[in-house]
Every structure is written in structure tokens, then in C-alpha cells.
Amino acid sequence: MYGHVEKLALEIKKGASSVEGVEAKLWQVPETLADDVLGKMSAPAKSDVPCITTNELAEADGFVFGFPTRFGMMAAQFKAFLDSTGGLWRTQQLAGKPAGIFYSTGSQGGGQETTALTAITQLVHHGMIFVPIGYTFGAGMFEMEKVKGGSPYGAGTFAGDGSREPSELELEQAFHQGKYIATITKKLKLAA
């Protein structure tokens, strides 16, 4: 809603695109809130990133799903999109495809890990292979002097009241996640 997930997504895309032979695309899910509600929330205009369809989802070799957190879970807009993928689930068109997740929360207790844990169920029902970053980001995972979002589940940021921007370290973690998952996706595709 406020651009934090998109900023991380752009870095993830850069990381994925840095892997030779990988084409990364950036999509967003359709908005479900009415314009008057978005206005009351002081939401800025949506970016020009195209909205994905379930057919386009099926064409991908791998995914890195990002979403803001609402009450410790993915935002309803993303959940509504995943709820529309019943046809893909029925035919298991996403089964065996690697998928990672990243997120933005309002605070340190706002759901950095619960959002990841509750999102994994969506991947499991589709038969996707969850690819966490673990501690592959190295020393950046152990930063204790600065506020830093993210976890072994995936990259993340803290938005605060919406005015805090992703830090350089959070953006570096997002780049790392994109490169890491793209490398794994490429290996799986070549092995198939």
C-alpha cells in the first residue's frame, strides 16, 4: 500500500536478474479495497507495475511472493489472489516450483515471522517448494545495532507508521534473496 514491499521487490528482481539466464518479472496483485477506503488510509496512488493473473502465475518457473502484514498475516489483497488460484491447485500446476516470501510489517512485534509461517500454508497446498534464505545472508542476519527486518524465512522491512523507508541492509538482504532463489530455480529447471 505504501511502497515498502515494492522497494524490496525491486531489489529482489535485481538480485534474480543478476543470475545469468534468469528473467525476473515484477507483478502486483489486484487491489480489493475501494478507492474511498484507500483515501481514508492516505494510501498513495498505485504504481504502474502490472497486475498478475493466475495464468501468468502458472507460466513462471519460480516465485518470490511479497506482501505487507495485517495482524500477523499476509494482507487480504494477496490472500484474495491466492484464493483465486483454485484451478491451479486442482491441476497442481504450481507443484514442484520453488517459492520464497518477503514482507513488511509496521513494527518489530508486527508479524515478521508469523506472516511467513502463515504464508507457507499457501505454498504447501500448491505443492510448491518453500525456499527460505536461512542464514545465507551471513553477518547481515546478526545485525543488532540497527533496526533490521527480515528473518531466515525471507527479507523484510519495518514500515513503522509508513514513513520509515527500507534500510540499506534490508535492501541488500532483498537483493541476496532474489539472487539466492533465482540460482536455486535455475538449478531445478536445468535438472528437470
N, C-alpha and C. Protein backbone atom coordinates (compact mmCIF):
# COMPACT_ATOMS: atom_id res chain seq x y z
N MET A 1 0.81 -1.20 0.00
CA MET A 1 0.00 0.00 0.00
C MET A 1 0.86 1.26 0.00
N TYR A 2 1.94 1.27 0.81
CA TYR A 2 2.76 2.47 0.92
C TYR A 2 4.10 2.36 0.20
N GLY A 3 4.35 1.26 -0.50
CA GLY A 3 5.53 1.13 -1.33
C GLY A 3 6.70 0.38 -0.72
N HIS A 4 6.59 -0.04 0.53
CA HIS A 4 7.71 -0.74 1.16
C HIS A 4 7.98 -2.10 0.52
N VAL A 5 6.93 -2.85 0.25
CA VAL A 5 7.08 -4.16 -0.38
C VAL A 5 7.63 -3.99 -1.80
N GLU A 6 7.16 -2.97 -2.50
CA GLU A 6 7.65 -2.74 -3.85
C GLU A 6 9.14 -2.41 -3.86
N LYS A 7 9.61 -1.64 -2.89
CA LYS A 7 11.04 -1.32 -2.82
C LYS A 7 11.87 -2.59 -2.61
N LEU A 8 11.41 -3.46 -1.72
CA LEU A 8 12.11 -4.74 -1.54
C LEU A 8 12.02 -5.58 -2.82
N ALA A 9 10.85 -5.58 -3.45
CA ALA A 9 10.65 -6.37 -4.67
C ALA A 9 11.59 -5.93 -5.79
N LEU A 10 11.81 -4.65 -5.91
CA LEU A 10 12.73 -4.16 -6.95
C LEU A 10 14.15 -4.67 -6.71
N GLU A 11 14.56 -4.74 -5.45
CA GLU A 11 15.88 -5.28 -5.13
C GLU A 11 15.94 -6.78 -5.37
N ILE A 12 14.86 -7.47 -5.03
CA ILE A 12 14.80 -8.92 -5.28
C ILE A 12 14.89 -9.18 -6.77
N LYS A 13 14.20 -8.37 -7.55
CA LYS A 13 14.26 -8.52 -9.01
C LYS A 13 15.68 -8.29 -9.52
N LYS A 14 16.36 -7.27 -8.99
CA LYS A 14 17.76 -7.02 -9.39
C LYS A 14 18.63 -8.23 -9.05
N GLY A 15 18.45 -8.77 -7.85
CA GLY A 15 19.22 -9.94 -7.45
C GLY A 15 18.96 -11.13 -8.34
N ALA A 16 17.70 -11.39 -8.64
CA ALA A 16 17.35 -12.51 -9.52
C ALA A 16 17.92 -12.29 -10.92
N SER A 17 17.82 -11.07 -11.42
CA SER A 17 18.31 -10.76 -12.77
C SER A 17 19.82 -10.83 -12.87
N SER A 18 20.51 -10.79 -11.73
CA SER A 18 21.97 -10.87 -11.75
C SER A 18 22.47 -12.29 -12.03
N VAL A 19 21.56 -13.26 -12.00
CA VAL A 19 21.91 -14.65 -12.29
C VAL A 19 21.78 -14.85 -13.80
N GLU A 20 22.86 -15.29 -14.42
CA GLU A 20 22.88 -15.45 -15.87
C GLU A 20 21.77 -16.39 -16.34
N GLY A 21 21.04 -15.93 -17.36
CA GLY A 21 19.98 -16.75 -17.96
C GLY A 21 18.64 -16.65 -17.25
N VAL A 22 18.53 -15.82 -16.22
CA VAL A 22 17.28 -15.68 -15.48
C VAL A 22 16.59 -14.38 -15.90
N GLU A 23 15.31 -14.50 -16.21
CA GLU A 23 14.48 -13.33 -16.49
C GLU A 23 13.51 -13.17 -15.32
N ALA A 24 13.63 -12.06 -14.64
CA ALA A 24 12.75 -11.79 -13.49
C ALA A 24 11.70 -10.76 -13.89
N LYS A 25 10.48 -10.99 -13.43
CA LYS A 25 9.38 -10.07 -13.71
C LYS A 25 8.78 -9.61 -12.39
N LEU A 26 8.31 -8.38 -12.38
CA LEU A 26 7.68 -7.81 -11.20
C LEU A 26 6.19 -7.65 -11.48
N TRP A 27 5.37 -8.16 -10.56
CA TRP A 27 3.91 -8.08 -10.67
C TRP A 27 3.34 -7.63 -9.34
N GLN A 28 2.11 -7.18 -9.38
CA GLN A 28 1.37 -6.94 -8.16
C GLN A 28 0.01 -7.62 -8.29
N VAL A 29 -0.63 -7.85 -7.16
CA VAL A 29 -1.96 -8.46 -7.18
C VAL A 29 -3.00 -7.35 -7.23
N PRO A 30 -4.20 -7.66 -7.71
CA PRO A 30 -5.24 -6.62 -7.79
C PRO A 30 -5.63 -6.08 -6.42
N GLU A 31 -5.93 -4.81 -6.37
CA GLU A 31 -6.40 -4.16 -5.15
C GLU A 31 -7.83 -4.60 -4.88
N THR A 32 -8.16 -4.82 -3.64
CA THR A 32 -9.51 -5.23 -3.26
C THR A 32 -10.26 -4.15 -2.50
N LEU A 33 -9.54 -3.13 -2.04
CA LEU A 33 -10.19 -2.06 -1.29
C LEU A 33 -10.74 -0.99 -2.23
N ALA A 34 -11.87 -0.44 -1.85
CA ALA A 34 -12.48 0.64 -2.64
C ALA A 34 -11.64 1.90 -2.54
N ASP A 35 -11.72 2.75 -3.57
CA ASP A 35 -10.93 3.98 -3.61
C ASP A 35 -11.20 4.87 -2.41
N ASP A 36 -12.45 4.95 -1.95
CA ASP A 36 -12.74 5.82 -0.81
C ASP A 36 -12.07 5.29 0.47
N VAL A 37 -11.98 3.99 0.61
CA VAL A 37 -11.31 3.40 1.76
C VAL A 37 -9.82 3.69 1.68
N LEU A 38 -9.23 3.51 0.49
CA LEU A 38 -7.81 3.81 0.32
C LEU A 38 -7.52 5.28 0.62
N GLY A 39 -8.44 6.15 0.23
CA GLY A 39 -8.29 7.58 0.52
C GLY A 39 -8.26 7.85 2.01
N LYS A 40 -9.13 7.19 2.76
CA LYS A 40 -9.16 7.36 4.22
C LYS A 40 -7.89 6.84 4.87
N MET A 41 -7.23 5.92 4.21
CA MET A 41 -5.99 5.35 4.74
C MET A 41 -4.77 6.15 4.28
N SER A 42 -5.00 7.22 3.52
CA SER A 42 -3.92 8.06 2.97
C SER A 42 -2.97 7.25 2.10
N ALA A 43 -3.52 6.27 1.42
CA ALA A 43 -2.70 5.44 0.53
C ALA A 43 -2.35 6.22 -0.73
N PRO A 44 -1.10 6.21 -1.13
CA PRO A 44 -0.72 6.88 -2.38
C PRO A 44 -1.26 6.10 -3.58
N ALA A 45 -1.21 6.71 -4.74
CA ALA A 45 -1.65 6.04 -5.97
C ALA A 45 -0.81 4.79 -6.20
N LYS A 46 -1.44 3.78 -6.78
CA LYS A 46 -0.73 2.52 -7.08
C LYS A 46 0.34 2.77 -8.13
N SER A 47 1.39 1.96 -8.07
CA SER A 47 2.45 2.07 -9.07
C SER A 47 1.95 1.50 -10.40
N ASP A 48 2.77 1.64 -11.41
CA ASP A 48 2.39 1.13 -12.73
C ASP A 48 2.82 -0.32 -12.96
N VAL A 49 3.22 -1.00 -11.90
CA VAL A 49 3.57 -2.43 -12.00
C VAL A 49 2.29 -3.17 -12.41
N PRO A 50 2.35 -4.02 -13.45
CA PRO A 50 1.14 -4.71 -13.89
C PRO A 50 0.62 -5.72 -12.86
N CYS A 51 -0.69 -5.94 -12.90
CA CYS A 51 -1.31 -6.94 -12.04
C CYS A 51 -1.19 -8.31 -12.69
N ILE A 52 -0.86 -9.30 -11.90
CA ILE A 52 -0.69 -10.66 -12.39
C ILE A 52 -2.03 -11.38 -12.47
N THR A 53 -2.11 -12.33 -13.38
CA THR A 53 -3.27 -13.21 -13.47
C THR A 53 -2.83 -14.61 -13.06
N THR A 54 -3.79 -15.46 -12.79
CA THR A 54 -3.43 -16.83 -12.41
C THR A 54 -2.73 -17.54 -13.57
N ASN A 55 -3.10 -17.24 -14.81
CA ASN A 55 -2.43 -17.87 -15.95
C ASN A 55 -0.96 -17.49 -16.00
N GLU A 56 -0.66 -16.22 -15.73
CA GLU A 56 0.74 -15.78 -15.73
C GLU A 56 1.51 -16.43 -14.58
N LEU A 57 0.84 -16.64 -13.48
CA LEU A 57 1.47 -17.32 -12.34
C LEU A 57 1.90 -18.73 -12.75
N ALA A 58 1.06 -19.41 -13.48
CA ALA A 58 1.35 -20.79 -13.90
C ALA A 58 2.54 -20.86 -14.85
N GLU A 59 2.84 -19.79 -15.56
CA GLU A 59 3.93 -19.78 -16.54
C GLU A 59 5.30 -19.63 -15.90
N ALA A 60 5.36 -19.17 -14.66
CA ALA A 60 6.64 -18.90 -14.01
C ALA A 60 7.34 -20.18 -13.58
N ASP A 61 8.67 -20.13 -13.54
CA ASP A 61 9.47 -21.26 -13.07
C ASP A 61 9.66 -21.23 -11.56
N GLY A 62 9.57 -20.05 -10.95
CA GLY A 62 9.74 -19.89 -9.52
C GLY A 62 9.18 -18.55 -9.09
N PHE A 63 9.07 -18.35 -7.77
CA PHE A 63 8.41 -17.16 -7.25
C PHE A 63 9.11 -16.63 -6.01
N VAL A 64 8.98 -15.33 -5.81
CA VAL A 64 9.29 -14.72 -4.53
C VAL A 64 8.09 -13.81 -4.25
N PHE A 65 7.22 -14.25 -3.35
CA PHE A 65 5.99 -13.53 -3.04
C PHE A 65 6.24 -12.54 -1.91
N GLY A 66 5.81 -11.31 -2.11
CA GLY A 66 5.97 -10.29 -1.08
C GLY A 66 4.65 -9.66 -0.73
N PHE A 67 4.49 -9.33 0.54
CA PHE A 67 3.24 -8.71 0.98
C PHE A 67 3.43 -7.96 2.29
N PRO A 68 2.59 -6.95 2.48
CA PRO A 68 2.57 -6.30 3.79
C PRO A 68 1.83 -7.20 4.76
N THR A 69 2.06 -6.96 6.02
CA THR A 69 1.42 -7.75 7.07
C THR A 69 0.22 -7.01 7.63
N ARG A 70 -0.84 -7.75 7.82
CA ARG A 70 -2.02 -7.24 8.51
C ARG A 70 -2.34 -8.20 9.64
N PHE A 71 -2.19 -7.73 10.86
CA PHE A 71 -2.49 -8.53 12.04
C PHE A 71 -1.73 -9.86 12.05
N GLY A 72 -0.46 -9.83 11.66
CA GLY A 72 0.40 -11.00 11.73
C GLY A 72 0.25 -11.98 10.58
N MET A 73 -0.46 -11.59 9.52
CA MET A 73 -0.63 -12.45 8.35
C MET A 73 -0.52 -11.60 7.08
N MET A 74 -0.44 -12.28 5.94
CA MET A 74 -0.39 -11.54 4.68
C MET A 74 -1.65 -10.69 4.53
N ALA A 75 -1.52 -9.58 3.83
CA ALA A 75 -2.65 -8.69 3.59
C ALA A 75 -3.74 -9.41 2.80
N ALA A 76 -4.97 -8.99 3.02
CA ALA A 76 -6.13 -9.63 2.40
C ALA A 76 -6.07 -9.60 0.87
N GLN A 77 -5.49 -8.55 0.31
CA GLN A 77 -5.40 -8.47 -1.15
C GLN A 77 -4.63 -9.67 -1.71
N PHE A 78 -3.51 -10.00 -1.07
CA PHE A 78 -2.71 -11.13 -1.55
C PHE A 78 -3.42 -12.45 -1.29
N LYS A 79 -4.05 -12.55 -0.13
CA LYS A 79 -4.80 -13.77 0.19
C LYS A 79 -5.94 -13.96 -0.80
N ALA A 80 -6.62 -12.89 -1.18
CA ALA A 80 -7.71 -12.98 -2.15
C ALA A 80 -7.18 -13.49 -3.49
N PHE A 81 -6.00 -13.02 -3.89
CA PHE A 81 -5.42 -13.51 -5.15
C PHE A 81 -5.12 -15.00 -5.04
N LEU A 82 -4.50 -15.41 -3.96
CA LEU A 82 -4.19 -16.83 -3.80
C LEU A 82 -5.46 -17.67 -3.73
N ASP A 83 -6.51 -17.12 -3.14
CA ASP A 83 -7.79 -17.83 -3.10
C ASP A 83 -8.36 -18.04 -4.50
N SER A 84 -7.95 -17.21 -5.44
CA SER A 84 -8.45 -17.34 -6.82
C SER A 84 -7.66 -18.37 -7.63
N THR A 85 -6.68 -19.02 -7.01
CA THR A 85 -5.84 -19.98 -7.74
C THR A 85 -6.32 -21.43 -7.58
N GLY A 86 -7.58 -21.61 -7.26
CA GLY A 86 -8.13 -22.95 -7.08
C GLY A 86 -7.94 -23.85 -8.29
N GLY A 87 -8.06 -23.26 -9.48
CA GLY A 87 -7.87 -24.06 -10.70
C GLY A 87 -6.44 -24.56 -10.83
N LEU A 88 -5.48 -23.72 -10.44
CA LEU A 88 -4.08 -24.14 -10.46
C LEU A 88 -3.83 -25.22 -9.41
N TRP A 89 -4.46 -25.07 -8.27
CA TRP A 89 -4.34 -26.07 -7.20
C TRP A 89 -4.92 -27.41 -7.65
N ARG A 90 -6.10 -27.36 -8.25
CA ARG A 90 -6.78 -28.59 -8.67
C ARG A 90 -5.91 -29.39 -9.65
N THR A 91 -5.20 -28.71 -10.52
CA THR A 91 -4.36 -29.37 -11.52
C THR A 91 -2.89 -29.42 -11.10
N GLN A 92 -2.58 -28.89 -9.92
CA GLN A 92 -1.22 -28.88 -9.37
C GLN A 92 -0.19 -28.28 -10.34
N GLN A 93 -0.58 -27.20 -11.01
CA GLN A 93 0.31 -26.55 -11.97
C GLN A 93 1.49 -25.83 -11.32
N LEU A 94 1.40 -25.58 -10.02
CA LEU A 94 2.50 -24.90 -9.33
C LEU A 94 3.36 -25.87 -8.53
N ALA A 95 2.97 -27.12 -8.52
CA ALA A 95 3.69 -28.13 -7.74
C ALA A 95 5.13 -28.27 -8.22
N GLY A 96 6.05 -28.36 -7.27
CA GLY A 96 7.46 -28.54 -7.59
C GLY A 96 8.19 -27.26 -7.93
N LYS A 97 7.49 -26.12 -7.96
CA LYS A 97 8.15 -24.85 -8.27
C LYS A 97 8.64 -24.20 -6.98
N PRO A 98 9.87 -23.68 -6.98
CA PRO A 98 10.40 -23.04 -5.79
C PRO A 98 9.73 -21.70 -5.52
N ALA A 99 9.52 -21.40 -4.24
CA ALA A 99 8.89 -20.13 -3.86
C ALA A 99 9.48 -19.63 -2.55
N GLY A 100 9.75 -18.36 -2.52
CA GLY A 100 10.19 -17.69 -1.31
C GLY A 100 9.21 -16.59 -0.96
N ILE A 101 9.37 -16.01 0.22
CA ILE A 101 8.49 -14.95 0.66
C ILE A 101 9.28 -13.82 1.31
N PHE A 102 8.73 -12.63 1.25
CA PHE A 102 9.29 -11.47 1.95
C PHE A 102 8.12 -10.59 2.37
N TYR A 103 8.38 -9.63 3.27
CA TYR A 103 7.26 -8.95 3.90
C TYR A 103 7.68 -7.62 4.50
N SER A 104 6.67 -6.83 4.81
CA SER A 104 6.84 -5.57 5.51
C SER A 104 5.85 -5.55 6.67
N THR A 105 6.33 -5.15 7.83
CA THR A 105 5.46 -5.02 8.99
C THR A 105 5.59 -3.61 9.57
N GLY A 106 4.61 -3.25 10.39
CA GLY A 106 4.62 -1.93 10.98
C GLY A 106 5.57 -1.80 12.16
N SER A 107 5.87 -2.92 12.81
CA SER A 107 6.72 -2.87 14.00
C SER A 107 7.46 -4.18 14.19
N GLN A 108 8.37 -4.19 15.15
CA GLN A 108 9.14 -5.40 15.41
C GLN A 108 8.25 -6.54 15.89
N GLY A 109 7.18 -6.23 16.56
CA GLY A 109 6.25 -7.27 17.01
C GLY A 109 5.07 -7.41 16.06
N GLY A 110 5.20 -6.88 14.85
CA GLY A 110 4.09 -6.83 13.91
C GLY A 110 3.90 -8.03 13.02
N GLY A 111 4.72 -9.07 13.18
CA GLY A 111 4.48 -10.28 12.42
C GLY A 111 5.54 -10.71 11.44
N GLN A 112 6.79 -10.30 11.63
CA GLN A 112 7.85 -10.71 10.70
C GLN A 112 7.89 -12.23 10.53
N GLU A 113 7.76 -12.98 11.60
CA GLU A 113 7.81 -14.45 11.47
C GLU A 113 6.43 -15.07 11.33
N THR A 114 5.42 -14.52 12.01
CA THR A 114 4.08 -15.13 11.87
C THR A 114 3.55 -14.97 10.46
N THR A 115 3.88 -13.88 9.81
CA THR A 115 3.44 -13.69 8.42
C THR A 115 4.05 -14.77 7.54
N ALA A 116 5.33 -15.02 7.74
CA ALA A 116 6.00 -16.07 6.97
C ALA A 116 5.38 -17.44 7.25
N LEU A 117 5.21 -17.74 8.52
CA LEU A 117 4.67 -19.06 8.89
C LEU A 117 3.27 -19.29 8.34
N THR A 118 2.42 -18.27 8.39
CA THR A 118 1.06 -18.44 7.89
C THR A 118 1.01 -18.44 6.36
N ALA A 119 1.99 -17.83 5.72
CA ALA A 119 2.03 -17.82 4.25
C ALA A 119 2.48 -19.16 3.68
N ILE A 120 3.29 -19.88 4.44
CA ILE A 120 3.80 -21.16 3.96
C ILE A 120 2.67 -22.13 3.64
N THR A 121 1.56 -22.04 4.38
CA THR A 121 0.44 -22.96 4.11
C THR A 121 -0.08 -22.83 2.68
N GLN A 122 -0.04 -21.62 2.14
CA GLN A 122 -0.49 -21.41 0.76
C GLN A 122 0.42 -22.17 -0.21
N LEU A 123 1.71 -22.10 0.05
CA LEU A 123 2.68 -22.78 -0.82
C LEU A 123 2.52 -24.29 -0.73
N VAL A 124 2.33 -24.79 0.48
CA VAL A 124 2.23 -26.23 0.72
C VAL A 124 1.03 -26.83 -0.02
N HIS A 125 -0.10 -26.17 0.03
CA HIS A 125 -1.28 -26.72 -0.64
C HIS A 125 -1.11 -26.78 -2.15
N HIS A 126 -0.28 -25.90 -2.68
CA HIS A 126 0.01 -25.93 -4.11
C HIS A 126 1.15 -26.89 -4.45
N GLY A 127 1.81 -27.43 -3.45
CA GLY A 127 2.93 -28.33 -3.70
C GLY A 127 4.20 -27.62 -4.08
N MET A 128 4.27 -26.31 -3.83
CA MET A 128 5.48 -25.56 -4.13
C MET A 128 6.58 -25.92 -3.12
N ILE A 129 7.79 -25.67 -3.50
CA ILE A 129 8.95 -25.94 -2.64
C ILE A 129 9.33 -24.62 -1.96
N PHE A 130 9.14 -24.55 -0.65
CA PHE A 130 9.49 -23.33 0.07
C PHE A 130 11.00 -23.21 0.17
N VAL A 131 11.52 -22.05 -0.26
CA VAL A 131 12.95 -21.79 -0.24
C VAL A 131 13.22 -20.61 0.70
N PRO A 132 13.51 -20.89 1.96
CA PRO A 132 13.88 -19.80 2.87
C PRO A 132 15.31 -19.38 2.61
N ILE A 133 15.69 -18.20 3.07
CA ILE A 133 17.09 -17.80 2.89
C ILE A 133 17.97 -18.33 4.01
N GLY A 134 17.35 -18.85 5.06
CA GLY A 134 18.14 -19.35 6.18
C GLY A 134 19.07 -18.27 6.68
N TYR A 135 20.32 -18.63 6.90
CA TYR A 135 21.31 -17.66 7.33
C TYR A 135 22.35 -17.42 6.24
N THR A 136 21.94 -17.63 4.98
CA THR A 136 22.85 -17.46 3.85
C THR A 136 23.25 -16.01 3.62
N PHE A 137 22.56 -15.07 4.24
CA PHE A 137 22.90 -13.64 4.11
C PHE A 137 24.11 -13.29 4.97
N GLY A 138 24.57 -14.24 5.77
CA GLY A 138 25.79 -14.05 6.55
C GLY A 138 25.64 -13.07 7.70
N ALA A 139 26.64 -12.22 7.88
CA ALA A 139 26.70 -11.31 9.03
C ALA A 139 25.49 -10.40 9.11
N GLY A 140 24.89 -10.08 7.99
CA GLY A 140 23.72 -9.22 7.98
C GLY A 140 22.55 -9.78 8.76
N MET A 141 22.52 -11.11 8.92
CA MET A 141 21.44 -11.74 9.68
C MET A 141 21.59 -11.49 11.18
N PHE A 142 22.79 -11.13 11.60
CA PHE A 142 23.07 -10.98 13.03
C PHE A 142 23.20 -9.52 13.47
N GLU A 143 22.81 -8.59 12.61
CA GLU A 143 22.89 -7.17 12.93
C GLU A 143 22.04 -6.86 14.16
N MET A 144 22.66 -6.28 15.17
CA MET A 144 21.95 -5.97 16.41
C MET A 144 21.99 -4.48 16.76
N GLU A 145 22.77 -3.71 16.05
CA GLU A 145 22.92 -2.29 16.38
C GLU A 145 21.90 -1.41 15.67
N LYS A 146 21.32 -1.91 14.59
CA LYS A 146 20.37 -1.13 13.80
C LYS A 146 19.06 -1.90 13.69
N VAL A 147 18.00 -1.17 13.47
CA VAL A 147 16.71 -1.81 13.22
C VAL A 147 16.78 -2.48 11.85
N LYS A 148 16.46 -3.79 11.80
CA LYS A 148 16.51 -4.52 10.53
C LYS A 148 15.39 -5.55 10.50
N GLY A 149 14.62 -5.51 9.46
CA GLY A 149 13.59 -6.52 9.26
C GLY A 149 14.17 -7.75 8.59
N GLY A 150 13.31 -8.73 8.37
CA GLY A 150 13.74 -9.97 7.74
C GLY A 150 14.08 -11.02 8.77
N SER A 151 14.18 -12.25 8.29
CA SER A 151 14.46 -13.39 9.15
C SER A 151 14.96 -14.53 8.26
N PRO A 152 15.25 -15.68 8.83
CA PRO A 152 15.64 -16.81 7.98
C PRO A 152 14.55 -17.20 6.97
N TYR A 153 13.32 -16.76 7.21
CA TYR A 153 12.23 -17.07 6.26
C TYR A 153 12.32 -16.24 5.00
N GLY A 154 12.81 -15.00 5.11
CA GLY A 154 12.89 -14.14 3.95
C GLY A 154 13.22 -12.71 4.33
N ALA A 155 13.44 -11.90 3.32
CA ALA A 155 13.76 -10.49 3.53
C ALA A 155 12.55 -9.77 4.11
N GLY A 156 12.81 -8.68 4.79
CA GLY A 156 11.72 -7.91 5.36
C GLY A 156 12.15 -6.52 5.74
N THR A 157 11.16 -5.69 6.03
CA THR A 157 11.42 -4.34 6.47
C THR A 157 10.37 -3.94 7.50
N PHE A 158 10.69 -2.92 8.27
CA PHE A 158 9.75 -2.34 9.21
C PHE A 158 9.31 -1.00 8.63
N ALA A 159 8.02 -0.84 8.45
CA ALA A 159 7.50 0.39 7.86
C ALA A 159 7.17 1.45 8.90
N GLY A 160 7.04 1.04 10.17
CA GLY A 160 6.62 1.98 11.19
C GLY A 160 5.24 2.52 10.86
N ASP A 161 5.09 3.82 10.91
CA ASP A 161 3.80 4.44 10.56
C ASP A 161 3.68 4.66 9.05
N GLY A 162 4.61 4.11 8.31
CA GLY A 162 4.64 4.28 6.86
C GLY A 162 5.75 5.21 6.40
N SER A 163 6.32 5.96 7.34
CA SER A 163 7.34 6.94 6.97
C SER A 163 8.75 6.36 6.94
N ARG A 164 8.99 5.23 7.61
CA ARG A 164 10.33 4.63 7.59
C ARG A 164 10.54 3.91 6.27
N GLU A 165 11.64 4.17 5.64
CA GLU A 165 11.99 3.51 4.38
C GLU A 165 12.87 2.30 4.66
N PRO A 166 12.87 1.31 3.76
CA PRO A 166 13.77 0.17 3.94
C PRO A 166 15.22 0.65 4.04
N SER A 167 15.96 0.07 4.99
CA SER A 167 17.36 0.45 5.17
C SER A 167 18.22 -0.17 4.09
N GLU A 168 19.44 0.29 4.01
CA GLU A 168 20.39 -0.27 3.03
C GLU A 168 20.59 -1.76 3.29
N LEU A 169 20.70 -2.14 4.56
CA LEU A 169 20.90 -3.54 4.91
C LEU A 169 19.68 -4.38 4.51
N GLU A 170 18.48 -3.85 4.72
CA GLU A 170 17.27 -4.58 4.30
C GLU A 170 17.21 -4.74 2.79
N LEU A 171 17.63 -3.72 2.06
CA LEU A 171 17.66 -3.80 0.60
C LEU A 171 18.72 -4.80 0.13
N GLU A 172 19.86 -4.84 0.81
CA GLU A 172 20.90 -5.81 0.47
C GLU A 172 20.40 -7.24 0.71
N GLN A 173 19.66 -7.43 1.79
CA GLN A 173 19.10 -8.75 2.07
C GLN A 173 18.10 -9.15 0.99
N ALA A 174 17.32 -8.19 0.53
CA ALA A 174 16.35 -8.47 -0.54
C ALA A 174 17.08 -8.86 -1.83
N PHE A 175 18.14 -8.13 -2.18
CA PHE A 175 18.94 -8.48 -3.36
C PHE A 175 19.47 -9.90 -3.22
N HIS A 176 20.01 -10.20 -2.05
CA HIS A 176 20.53 -11.54 -1.78
C HIS A 176 19.45 -12.60 -1.98
N GLN A 177 18.27 -12.35 -1.45
CA GLN A 177 17.19 -13.33 -1.58
C GLN A 177 16.84 -13.57 -3.04
N GLY A 178 16.75 -12.51 -3.83
CA GLY A 178 16.45 -12.67 -5.25
C GLY A 178 17.50 -13.51 -5.96
N LYS A 179 18.76 -13.22 -5.70
CA LYS A 179 19.85 -13.98 -6.32
C LYS A 179 19.85 -15.43 -5.85
N TYR A 180 19.63 -15.63 -4.57
CA TYR A 180 19.64 -16.97 -3.98
C TYR A 180 18.53 -17.86 -4.57
N ILE A 181 17.33 -17.33 -4.61
CA ILE A 181 16.20 -18.13 -5.13
C ILE A 181 16.31 -18.32 -6.64
N ALA A 182 16.79 -17.30 -7.35
CA ALA A 182 16.97 -17.45 -8.79
C ALA A 182 17.99 -18.54 -9.10
N THR A 183 19.06 -18.61 -8.32
CA THR A 183 20.08 -19.65 -8.51
C THR A 183 19.48 -21.04 -8.30
N ILE A 184 18.70 -21.20 -7.26
CA ILE A 184 18.06 -22.49 -6.98
C ILE A 184 17.03 -22.83 -8.05
N THR A 185 16.24 -21.86 -8.47
CA THR A 185 15.24 -22.08 -9.52
C THR A 185 15.91 -22.52 -10.81
N LYS A 186 17.00 -21.87 -11.16
CA LYS A 186 17.73 -22.23 -12.37
C LYS A 186 18.27 -23.65 -12.29
N LYS A 187 18.84 -24.03 -11.15
CA LYS A 187 19.34 -25.40 -10.97
C LYS A 187 18.22 -26.42 -11.12
N LEU A 188 17.08 -26.15 -10.50
CA LEU A 188 15.95 -27.09 -10.59
C LEU A 188 15.43 -27.21 -12.02
N LYS A 189 15.37 -26.09 -12.72
CA LYS A 189 14.88 -26.12 -14.10
C LYS A 189 15.84 -26.90 -15.01
N LEU A 190 17.13 -26.69 -14.83
CA LEU A 190 18.11 -27.39 -15.65
C LEU A 190 18.14 -28.88 -15.36
N ALA A 191 17.81 -29.25 -14.12
CA ALA A 191 17.82 -30.68 -13.74
C ALA A 191 16.57 -31.42 -14.21
N ALA A 192 15.54 -30.68 -14.56
CA ALA A 192 14.26 -31.31 -14.95
C ALA A 192 14.34 -31.94 -16.32
